Amino acid sequence: MAQQEPIKCGGWSQPPRKADAEVQKICDQVKKAVEDRINSPELTMFTALDYITQVVAGVNYRIRVQINNVCVIRIQVFQAPLLSGKQAPPELTDVANDGPLNDKPF
């Protein structure tokens, strides 16, 4: 298991971590916004691969998502902190083509 560097204030976590159920849930919540942004209705594959985080006034996630057998996109999602015990839904802030599936992560 790779040792994780200490998080620098405002910096992105390193190394990238394998996506877990929590990260997949975030992806599922922004999937429709991604489909709208890339003009690709009803993506049949939308699997989180790995991710890094940035602690701000909430958390920014950069997540590599497999969208078919060969392509990966990179999405950035902002998750606001709990307010009055309620969690706001995650907000899609960016989408980028990450290239072929076999490219190196981040």
Protein backbone atom coordinates (compact mmCIF):
# COMPACT_ATOMS: atom_id res chain seq x y z
CA MET A 1 0.00 0.00 0.00
CA ALA A 2 1.43 3.37 -1.03
CA GLN A 3 2.00 5.85 1.75
CA GLN A 4 -0.09 8.99 1.44
CA GLU A 5 1.63 12.36 1.65
CA PRO A 6 0.39 14.80 4.28
CA ILE A 7 -2.35 17.03 2.86
CA LYS A 8 -1.14 20.56 2.24
CA CYS A 9 -3.63 23.31 2.95
CA GLY A 10 -5.51 23.79 -0.31
CA GLY A 11 -3.45 21.09 -2.00
CA TRP A 12 -4.69 17.91 -3.67
CA SER A 13 -4.28 14.59 -1.86
CA GLN A 14 -1.67 12.23 -3.32
CA PRO A 15 -1.37 9.47 -4.35
CA PRO A 16 -4.75 8.87 -6.01
CA ARG A 17 -6.95 6.47 -4.09
CA LYS A 18 -9.02 3.63 -5.52
CA ALA A 19 -12.67 4.69 -5.72
CA ASP A 20 -14.94 3.26 -3.04
CA ALA A 21 -18.73 3.10 -2.57
CA GLU A 22 -18.86 6.68 -1.24
CA VAL A 23 -17.11 8.07 -4.33
CA GLN A 24 -19.29 5.98 -6.64
CA LYS A 25 -22.36 7.41 -4.89
CA ILE A 26 -21.10 10.95 -5.58
CA CYS A 27 -20.62 10.00 -9.25
CA ASP A 28 -24.10 8.55 -9.44
CA GLN A 29 -25.53 11.79 -8.04
CA VAL A 30 -23.87 13.95 -10.73
CA LYS A 31 -24.22 11.51 -13.65
CA LYS A 32 -27.17 13.39 -15.21
CA ALA A 33 -25.24 16.68 -15.04
CA VAL A 34 -22.26 14.98 -16.73
CA GLU A 35 -24.49 13.57 -19.49
CA ASP A 36 -25.92 17.04 -20.07
CA ARG A 37 -22.46 18.68 -20.08
CA ILE A 38 -20.95 16.25 -22.60
CA ASN A 39 -24.17 15.95 -24.61
CA SER A 40 -24.29 12.17 -24.22
CA PRO A 41 -27.65 10.98 -22.93
CA GLU A 42 -27.87 7.85 -20.83
CA LEU A 43 -24.31 6.69 -20.40
CA THR A 44 -24.58 2.95 -19.81
CA MET A 45 -21.23 2.76 -17.99
CA PHE A 46 -20.28 5.28 -15.31
CA THR A 47 -17.74 3.67 -13.02
CA ALA A 48 -15.50 5.61 -10.65
CA LEU A 49 -11.89 4.37 -10.92
CA ASP A 50 -9.80 6.55 -8.64
CA TYR A 51 -9.83 10.00 -7.10
CA ILE A 52 -8.01 12.75 -5.27
CA THR A 53 -9.46 15.32 -2.89
CA GLN A 54 -8.87 18.93 -1.92
CA VAL A 55 -10.16 20.24 1.40
CA VAL A 56 -11.60 23.73 1.01
CA ALA A 57 -14.82 25.08 2.55
CA GLY A 58 -16.10 21.58 1.82
CA VAL A 59 -14.32 19.02 -0.37
CA ASN A 60 -13.41 19.07 -4.05
CA TYR A 61 -13.17 15.65 -5.67
CA ARG A 62 -11.34 14.92 -8.93
CA ILE A 63 -12.59 11.54 -10.06
CA ARG A 64 -11.59 9.46 -13.07
CA VAL A 65 -14.73 7.79 -14.43
CA GLN A 66 -14.87 5.02 -17.04
CA ILE A 67 -17.73 5.75 -19.48
CA ASN A 68 -17.25 2.87 -21.95
CA ASN A 69 -14.81 0.04 -22.66
CA VAL A 70 -12.01 2.38 -23.73
CA CYS A 71 -12.69 5.95 -22.56
CA VAL A 72 -12.22 7.71 -19.27
CA ILE A 73 -13.35 11.18 -18.27
CA ARG A 74 -12.22 13.25 -15.33
CA ILE A 75 -14.90 15.03 -13.35
CA GLN A 76 -14.55 17.58 -10.59
CA VAL A 77 -17.26 17.69 -7.94
CA PHE A 78 -17.73 20.01 -4.97
CA GLN A 79 -19.31 18.62 -1.81
CA ALA A 80 -20.38 21.36 0.61
CA PRO A 81 -20.02 20.74 4.35
CA LEU A 82 -22.99 19.75 6.49
CA LEU A 83 -25.21 22.72 7.31
CA SER A 84 -27.71 22.35 10.15
CA GLY A 85 -27.26 18.59 9.96
CA LYS A 86 -28.21 18.44 6.27
CA GLN A 87 -25.96 17.51 3.37
CA ALA A 88 -26.36 19.48 0.16
CA PRO A 89 -26.14 17.39 -3.02
CA PRO A 90 -22.73 17.31 -4.73
CA GLU A 91 -22.20 19.87 -7.49
CA LEU A 92 -20.46 19.08 -10.79
CA THR A 93 -17.89 21.82 -11.44
CA ASP A 94 -15.86 20.46 -14.39
CA VAL A 95 -15.66 17.62 -16.93
CA ALA A 96 -12.64 16.78 -19.08
CA ASN A 97 -11.75 13.97 -21.48
CA ASP A 98 -9.05 11.92 -19.81
CA GLY A 99 -8.21 9.76 -22.81
CA PRO A 100 -7.81 6.01 -23.16
CA LEU A 101 -8.48 3.70 -20.22
CA ASN A 102 -4.85 2.55 -20.03
CA ASP A 103 -3.39 6.02 -19.43
CA LYS A 104 -1.80 6.72 -16.07
CA PRO A 105 -4.07 8.15 -13.36
CA PHE A 106 -3.74 11.83 -12.47
